[in-house]
Amino acid sequence: MPKCLNLATAVGAVAFILVGCAEQSVVQKPLAAVGAANSHLGRMSNVRTTAYTRKEKGGVRNALGTYLSGHHVMSAAADWSRFPLGTRFRICSTREEYIIDDYGTALVGSETIDLYKPTKLEMKRWGVRNVDIDILQWGSEEKSLQVLGPRMKHAQVQKMVASLQKKNRSATVRVASNSTQSTAKAGNSKQASAKAASSRTLD
C-alpha cells in the first residue's frame, strides 16, 4: 500500500476518534444534567395535604403575583425549601396535577402541601388527607430564592431562605469536593509521570 494512502488512513482514524470523543462528552453532559434534575422524581407516599381557596387571606393571587390556577394544572402552596417553586406533581388517587406556585407561613418547617380549590365547598370536602403523589418535575431552588429575597423582613421567609441556602452550600461543597479529588488525582498522575521521566533521563 502506498505511503500516502497509509497516512490518509491514519489521519482519518485519528479524526474519527476525536469526533467520537467530542460527541461522547457532548452527550454525557446533558445526560448528567437530566440525571441530576430527575433525582427527586418518583412517588412520595403518605404526604399530608390540606386545602385553601381564594376567599382566604391571600386572595386570588399566588406568591408570583399571578392568578391562582384551578384548571388543568392547579396551584398549590408549600415550604419552598422542601418543595421548590415550580415543582409539579400528580395526586395518585385523583389524577389531579398541581404546581407549587405559592407558599404559606403556616407551612414553613412542615412537609404539608396546601392544595388550591376554586370553591369553599371543595376546600371543605378535601379537608386534611394523607395521599401518595408522583413528582413529575422538580422545581428550582434558585428561582425560589430570587422570589423570596425581597421579602426577607418576614420571619417565615427568612427560615425558608436559610434552609435553601444551606442546601445550596452543601451541594456546592459536594461539587467542590469532587473537583478537588479529581485535581488531586490529576496532580498525582503528573507527579508519577515526572518521576518516571526523570528516572528515564538519569538512565
C-alpha atoms as a PDB file:
ATOM      1  CA  MET A   1       0.000   0.000   0.000  1.00  0.00           C
ATOM      2  CA  PRO A   2       1.406   3.481  -0.882  1.00  0.00           C
ATOM      3  CA  LYS A   3       2.714   5.631   1.986  1.00  0.00           C
ATOM      4  CA  CYS A   4       0.326   8.486   1.178  1.00  0.00           C
ATOM      5  CA  LEU A   5      -2.638   6.114   1.455  1.00  0.00           C
ATOM      6  CA  ASN A   6      -1.361   4.845   4.832  1.00  0.00           C
ATOM      7  CA  LEU A   7      -1.012   8.430   6.037  1.00  0.00           C
ATOM      8  CA  ALA A   8      -4.526   9.335   4.871  1.00  0.00           C
ATOM      9  CA  THR A   9      -5.941   6.264   6.614  1.00  0.00           C
ATOM     10  CA  ALA A  10      -4.136   7.122   9.863  1.00  0.00           C
ATOM     11  CA  VAL A  11      -5.321  10.759   9.779  1.00  0.00           C
ATOM     12  CA  GLY A  12      -8.872   9.609   9.115  1.00  0.00           C
ATOM     13  CA  ALA A  13      -8.758   7.183  12.048  1.00  0.00           C
ATOM     14  CA  VAL A  14      -7.461   9.877  14.419  1.00  0.00           C
ATOM     15  CA  ALA A  15     -10.154  12.331  13.254  1.00  0.00           C
ATOM     16  CA  PHE A  16     -12.844   9.679  13.763  1.00  0.00           C
ATOM     17  CA  ILE A  17     -11.640   9.014  17.325  1.00  0.00           C
ATOM     18  CA  LEU A  18     -11.527  12.735  18.171  1.00  0.00           C
ATOM     19  CA  VAL A  19     -15.033  13.324  16.790  1.00  0.00           C
ATOM     20  CA  GLY A  20     -16.295  10.291  18.703  1.00  0.00           C
ATOM     21  CA  CYS A  21     -14.799  11.598  21.971  1.00  0.00           C
ATOM     22  CA  ALA A  22     -16.261  15.066  21.381  1.00  0.00           C
ATOM     23  CA  GLU A  23     -19.699  13.623  20.668  1.00  0.00           C
ATOM     24  CA  GLN A  24     -19.490  11.442  23.765  1.00  0.00           C
ATOM     25  CA  SER A  25     -18.632  14.415  26.017  1.00  0.00           C
ATOM     26  CA  VAL A  26     -21.463  16.462  24.496  1.00  0.00           C
ATOM     27  CA  VAL A  27     -23.897  13.618  25.081  1.00  0.00           C
ATOM     28  CA  GLN A  28     -22.691  12.886  28.622  1.00  0.00           C
ATOM     29  CA  LYS A  29     -23.120  16.459  29.863  1.00  0.00           C
ATOM     30  CA  PRO A  30     -26.872  16.733  29.079  1.00  0.00           C
ATOM     31  CA  LEU A  31     -27.389  13.187  30.400  1.00  0.00           C
ATOM     32  CA  ALA A  32     -25.705  14.171  33.663  1.00  0.00           C
ATOM     33  CA  ALA A  33     -27.884  17.298  33.873  1.00  0.00           C
ATOM     34  CA  VAL A  34     -31.024  15.263  33.211  1.00  0.00           C
ATOM     35  CA  GLY A  35     -29.952  12.731  35.828  1.00  0.00           C
ATOM     36  CA  ALA A  36     -29.495  15.477  38.417  1.00  0.00           C
ATOM     37  CA  ALA A  37     -32.856  17.052  37.546  1.00  0.00           C
ATOM     38  CA  ASN A  38     -34.615  13.694  37.759  1.00  0.00           C
ATOM     39  CA  SER A  39     -33.008  12.648  41.050  1.00  0.00           C
ATOM     40  CA  HIS A  40     -36.033  13.908  43.008  1.00  0.00           C
ATOM     41  CA  LEU A  41     -38.643  12.407  40.676  1.00  0.00           C
ATOM     42  CA  GLY A  42     -40.762   9.468  41.733  1.00  0.00           C
ATOM     43  CA  ARG A  43     -43.516   8.573  44.156  1.00  0.00           C
ATOM     44  CA  MET A  44     -43.795  10.068  47.619  1.00  0.00           C
ATOM     45  CA  SER A  45     -46.059   8.190  49.984  1.00  0.00           C
ATOM     46  CA  ASN A  46     -48.336   9.441  52.719  1.00  0.00           C
ATOM     47  CA  VAL A  47     -47.887  13.174  52.071  1.00  0.00           C
ATOM     48  CA  ARG A  48     -50.052  15.374  54.285  1.00  0.00           C
ATOM     49  CA  THR A  49     -52.266  17.743  52.276  1.00  0.00           C
ATOM     50  CA  THR A  50     -54.688  20.485  53.234  1.00  0.00           C
ATOM     51  CA  ALA A  51     -56.760  22.826  51.082  1.00  0.00           C
ATOM     52  CA  TYR A  52     -57.302  26.555  50.654  1.00  0.00           C
ATOM     53  CA  THR A  53     -59.342  28.851  48.434  1.00  0.00           C
ATOM     54  CA  ARG A  54     -59.249  32.423  47.139  1.00  0.00           C
ATOM     55  CA  LYS A  55     -61.718  33.512  49.824  1.00  0.00           C
ATOM     56  CA  GLU A  56     -58.949  33.277  52.421  1.00  0.00           C
ATOM     57  CA  LYS A  57     -56.405  35.924  53.466  1.00  0.00           C
ATOM     58  CA  GLY A  58     -54.084  35.519  50.461  1.00  0.00           C
ATOM     59  CA  GLY A  59     -56.779  36.414  47.943  1.00  0.00           C
ATOM     60  CA  VAL A  60     -56.844  35.367  44.282  1.00  0.00           C
ATOM     61  CA  ARG A  61     -53.116  35.694  43.548  1.00  0.00           C
ATOM     62  CA  ASN A  62     -50.212  33.388  44.269  1.00  0.00           C
ATOM     63  CA  ALA A  63     -46.725  34.280  45.508  1.00  0.00           C
ATOM     64  CA  LEU A  64     -45.684  35.266  41.979  1.00  0.00           C
ATOM     65  CA  GLY A  65     -48.491  37.800  41.686  1.00  0.00           C
ATOM     66  CA  THR A  66     -50.391  35.812  39.042  1.00  0.00           C
ATOM     67  CA  TYR A  67     -53.859  34.334  39.464  1.00  0.00           C
ATOM     68  CA  LEU A  68     -54.244  31.061  41.317  1.00  0.00           C
ATOM     69  CA  SER A  69     -54.988  28.260  38.863  1.00  0.00           C
ATOM     70  CA  GLY A  70     -57.939  25.952  39.340  1.00  0.00           C
ATOM     71  CA  HIS A  71     -57.844  24.423  35.870  1.00  0.00           C
ATOM     72  CA  HIS A  72     -55.654  21.783  34.180  1.00  0.00           C
ATOM     73  CA  VAL A  73     -52.611  22.237  36.427  1.00  0.00           C
ATOM     74  CA  MET A  74     -53.784  23.707  39.713  1.00  0.00           C
ATOM     75  CA  SER A  75     -51.951  25.889  42.208  1.00  0.00           C
ATOM     76  CA  ALA A  76     -50.502  24.551  45.428  1.00  0.00           C
ATOM     77  CA  ALA A  77     -48.562  26.041  48.336  1.00  0.00           C
ATOM     78  CA  ALA A  78     -45.713  24.545  50.345  1.00  0.00           C
ATOM     79  CA  ASP A  79     -42.477  25.288  52.162  1.00  0.00           C
ATOM     80  CA  TRP A  80     -40.217  26.104  49.200  1.00  0.00           C
ATOM     81  CA  SER A  81     -37.175  24.715  50.973  1.00  0.00           C
ATOM     82  CA  ARG A  82     -38.966  21.348  50.867  1.00  0.00           C
ATOM     83  CA  PHE A  83     -40.873  21.651  47.572  1.00  0.00           C
ATOM     84  CA  PRO A  84     -39.228  24.423  45.495  1.00  0.00           C
ATOM     85  CA  LEU A  85     -41.138  26.853  43.298  1.00  0.00           C
ATOM     86  CA  GLY A  86     -42.230  25.148  40.069  1.00  0.00           C
ATOM     87  CA  THR A  87     -42.460  21.604  41.464  1.00  0.00           C
ATOM     88  CA  ARG A  88     -45.187  19.708  39.579  1.00  0.00           C
ATOM     89  CA  PHE A  89     -46.874  16.642  40.988  1.00  0.00           C
ATOM     90  CA  ARG A  90     -49.892  14.397  40.495  1.00  0.00           C
ATOM     91  CA  ILE A  91     -52.109  13.036  43.247  1.00  0.00           C
ATOM     92  CA  CYS A  92     -52.293   9.291  42.615  1.00  0.00           C
ATOM     93  CA  SER A  93     -55.862   8.784  43.852  1.00  0.00           C
ATOM     94  CA  THR A  94     -57.499  11.656  41.912  1.00  0.00           C
ATOM     95  CA  ARG A  95     -55.009  12.056  38.999  1.00  0.00           C
ATOM     96  CA  GLU A  96     -55.157  15.840  39.517  1.00  0.00           C
ATOM     97  CA  GLU A  97     -51.989  17.772  38.685  1.00  0.00           C
ATOM     98  CA  TYR A  98     -50.640  20.663  40.750  1.00  0.00           C
ATOM     99  CA  ILE A  99     -47.733  23.079  40.613  1.00  0.00           C
ATOM    100  CA  ILE A 100     -46.093  24.763  43.597  1.00  0.00           C
ATOM    101  CA  ASP A 101     -46.513  28.490  42.864  1.00  0.00           C
ATOM    102  CA  ASP A 102     -47.425  29.674  46.348  1.00  0.00           C
ATOM    103  CA  TYR A 103     -46.302  29.384  49.959  1.00  0.00           C
ATOM    104  CA  GLY A 104     -47.907  29.896  53.344  1.00  0.00           C
ATOM    105  CA  THR A 105     -46.398  30.925  56.662  1.00  0.00           C
ATOM    106  CA  ALA A 106     -48.132  28.028  58.451  1.00  0.00           C
ATOM    107  CA  LEU A 107     -46.458  25.583  56.025  1.00  0.00           C
ATOM    108  CA  VAL A 108     -42.870  26.612  56.751  1.00  0.00           C
ATOM    109  CA  GLY A 109     -40.974  23.838  58.504  1.00  0.00           C
ATOM    110  CA  SER A 110     -43.585  21.231  57.574  1.00  0.00           C
ATOM    111  CA  GLU A 111     -43.974  18.600  54.862  1.00  0.00           C
ATOM    112  CA  THR A 112     -47.588  19.658  54.231  1.00  0.00           C
ATOM    113  CA  ILE A 113     -48.787  20.731  50.780  1.00  0.00           C
ATOM    114  CA  ASP A 114     -51.777  23.097  50.635  1.00  0.00           C
ATOM    115  CA  LEU A 115     -53.919  22.461  47.544  1.00  0.00           C
ATOM    116  CA  TYR A 116     -55.844  25.289  45.901  1.00  0.00           C
ATOM    117  CA  LYS A 117     -59.562  24.633  45.449  1.00  0.00           C
ATOM    118  CA  PRO A 118     -61.744  27.004  43.367  1.00  0.00           C
ATOM    119  CA  THR A 119     -64.635  26.972  45.855  1.00  0.00           C
ATOM    120  CA  LYS A 120     -65.035  26.907  49.597  1.00  0.00           C
ATOM    121  CA  LEU A 121     -67.206  23.785  49.317  1.00  0.00           C
ATOM    122  CA  GLU A 122     -64.420  21.893  47.528  1.00  0.00           C
ATOM    123  CA  MET A 123     -61.943  23.098  50.127  1.00  0.00           C
ATOM    124  CA  LYS A 124     -64.120  21.775  52.967  1.00  0.00           C
ATOM    125  CA  ARG A 125     -64.715  18.491  51.173  1.00  0.00           C
ATOM    126  CA  TRP A 126     -60.986  17.938  50.835  1.00  0.00           C
ATOM    127  CA  GLY A 127     -60.212  18.699  54.470  1.00  0.00           C
ATOM    128  CA  VAL A 128     -56.937  17.073  55.542  1.00  0.00           C
ATOM    129  CA  ARG A 129     -55.777  13.997  53.641  1.00  0.00           C
ATOM    130  CA  ASN A 130     -52.621  11.932  53.519  1.00  0.00           C
ATOM    131  CA  VAL A 131     -52.064  10.930  49.898  1.00  0.00           C
ATOM    132  CA  ASP A 132     -49.448   9.417  47.590  1.00  0.00           C
ATOM    133  CA  ILE A 133     -48.084  11.798  44.972  1.00  0.00           C
ATOM    134  CA  ASP A 134     -45.940  11.396  41.867  1.00  0.00           C
ATOM    135  CA  ILE A 135     -43.350  14.142  41.419  1.00  0.00           C
ATOM    136  CA  LEU A 136     -43.413  14.999  37.697  1.00  0.00           C
ATOM    137  CA  GLN A 137     -40.933  17.883  37.692  1.00  0.00           C
ATOM    138  CA  TRP A 138     -38.757  19.237  40.434  1.00  0.00           C
ATOM    139  CA  GLY A 139     -38.815  22.998  40.953  1.00  0.00           C
ATOM    140  CA  SER A 140     -35.944  25.463  41.083  1.00  0.00           C
ATOM    141  CA  GLU A 141     -34.270  26.371  44.362  1.00  0.00           C
ATOM    142  CA  GLU A 142     -32.544  29.287  42.611  1.00  0.00           C
ATOM    143  CA  LYS A 143     -35.867  30.770  41.425  1.00  0.00           C
ATOM    144  CA  SER A 144     -37.321  30.208  44.881  1.00  0.00           C
ATOM    145  CA  LEU A 145     -34.500  32.292  46.358  1.00  0.00           C
ATOM    146  CA  GLN A 146     -34.990  35.021  43.728  1.00  0.00           C
ATOM    147  CA  VAL A 147     -38.669  35.401  44.628  1.00  0.00           C
ATOM    148  CA  LEU A 148     -38.124  35.182  48.382  1.00  0.00           C
ATOM    149  CA  GLY A 149     -35.101  37.504  48.524  1.00  0.00           C
ATOM    150  CA  PRO A 150     -37.006  40.827  48.557  1.00  0.00           C
ATOM    151  CA  ARG A 151     -39.360  39.521  51.283  1.00  0.00           C
ATOM    152  CA  MET A 152     -36.764  38.854  53.954  1.00  0.00           C
ATOM    153  CA  LYS A 153     -38.483  41.097  56.505  1.00  0.00           C
ATOM    154  CA  HIS A 154     -40.855  38.198  57.230  1.00  0.00           C
ATOM    155  CA  ALA A 155     -39.574  35.638  59.753  1.00  0.00           C
ATOM    156  CA  GLN A 156     -41.032  32.631  57.916  1.00  0.00           C
ATOM    157  CA  VAL A 157     -39.441  33.736  54.643  1.00  0.00           C
ATOM    158  CA  GLN A 158     -36.093  34.039  56.454  1.00  0.00           C
ATOM    159  CA  LYS A 159     -36.440  30.413  57.591  1.00  0.00           C
ATOM    160  CA  MET A 160     -37.128  29.202  54.051  1.00  0.00           C
ATOM    161  CA  VAL A 161     -34.225  31.201  52.633  1.00  0.00           C
ATOM    162  CA  ALA A 162     -31.853  29.907  55.332  1.00  0.00           C
ATOM    163  CA  SER A 163     -32.865  26.295  54.556  1.00  0.00           C
ATOM    164  CA  LEU A 164     -32.492  26.831  50.802  1.00  0.00           C
ATOM    165  CA  GLN A 165     -29.071  28.450  51.205  1.00  0.00           C
ATOM    166  CA  LYS A 166     -27.931  25.608  53.466  1.00  0.00           C
ATOM    167  CA  LYS A 167     -28.934  23.080  50.778  1.00  0.00           C
ATOM    168  CA  ASN A 168     -27.124  25.058  48.078  1.00  0.00           C
ATOM    169  CA  ARG A 169     -23.979  25.323  50.222  1.00  0.00           C
ATOM    170  CA  SER A 170     -23.895  21.594  50.884  1.00  0.00           C
ATOM    171  CA  ALA A 171     -24.383  20.918  47.158  1.00  0.00           C
ATOM    172  CA  THR A 172     -21.535  23.337  46.360  1.00  0.00           C
ATOM    173  CA  VAL A 173     -19.307  21.650  48.941  1.00  0.00           C
ATOM    174  CA  ARG A 174     -20.029  18.243  47.388  1.00  0.00           C
ATOM    175  CA  VAL A 175     -19.204  19.546  43.901  1.00  0.00           C
ATOM    176  CA  ALA A 176     -16.072  21.310  45.161  1.00  0.00           C
ATOM    177  CA  SER A 177     -15.006  18.151  46.998  1.00  0.00           C
ATOM    178  CA  ASN A 178     -15.416  16.061  43.849  1.00  0.00           C
ATOM    179  CA  SER A 179     -13.431  18.547  41.743  1.00  0.00           C
ATOM    180  CA  THR A 180     -10.688  18.671  44.421  1.00  0.00           C
ATOM    181  CA  GLN A 181     -10.401  14.890  44.346  1.00  0.00           C
ATOM    182  CA  SER A 182     -10.170  14.961  40.535  1.00  0.00           C
ATOM    183  CA  THR A 183      -7.483  17.653  40.701  1.00  0.00           C
ATOM    184  CA  ALA A 184      -5.553  15.652  43.318  1.00  0.00           C
ATOM    185  CA  LYS A 185      -5.700  12.532  41.142  1.00  0.00           C
ATOM    186  CA  ALA A 186      -4.526  14.520  38.134  1.00  0.00           C
ATOM    187  CA  GLY A 187      -1.710  16.012  40.239  1.00  0.00           C
ATOM    188  CA  ASN A 188      -0.602  12.589  41.468  1.00  0.00           C
ATOM    189  CA  SER A 189      -0.649  11.309  37.909  1.00  0.00           C
ATOM    190  CA  LYS A 190       1.524  14.232  36.727  1.00  0.00           C
ATOM    191  CA  GLN A 191       3.986  13.668  39.605  1.00  0.00           C
ATOM    192  CA  ALA A 192       4.255   9.995  38.740  1.00  0.00           C
ATOM    193  CA  SER A 193       4.870  10.876  35.081  1.00  0.00           C
ATOM    194  CA  ALA A 194       7.508  13.433  36.084  1.00  0.00           C
ATOM    195  CA  LYS A 195       9.286  10.878  38.304  1.00  0.00           C
ATOM    196  CA  ALA A 196       9.207   8.307  35.521  1.00  0.00           C
ATOM    197  CA  ALA A 197      10.557  10.866  33.050  1.00  0.00           C
ATOM    198  CA  SER A 198      13.372  11.913  35.404  1.00  0.00           C
ATOM    199  CA  SER A 199      14.367   8.305  36.048  1.00  0.00           C
ATOM    200  CA  ARG A 200      14.470   7.672  32.314  1.00  0.00           C
ATOM    201  CA  THR A 201      16.645  10.757  31.874  1.00  0.00           C
ATOM    202  CA  LEU A 202      19.051   9.607  34.591  1.00  0.00           C
ATOM    203  CA  ASP A 203      19.405   6.236  32.905  1.00  0.00           C
END
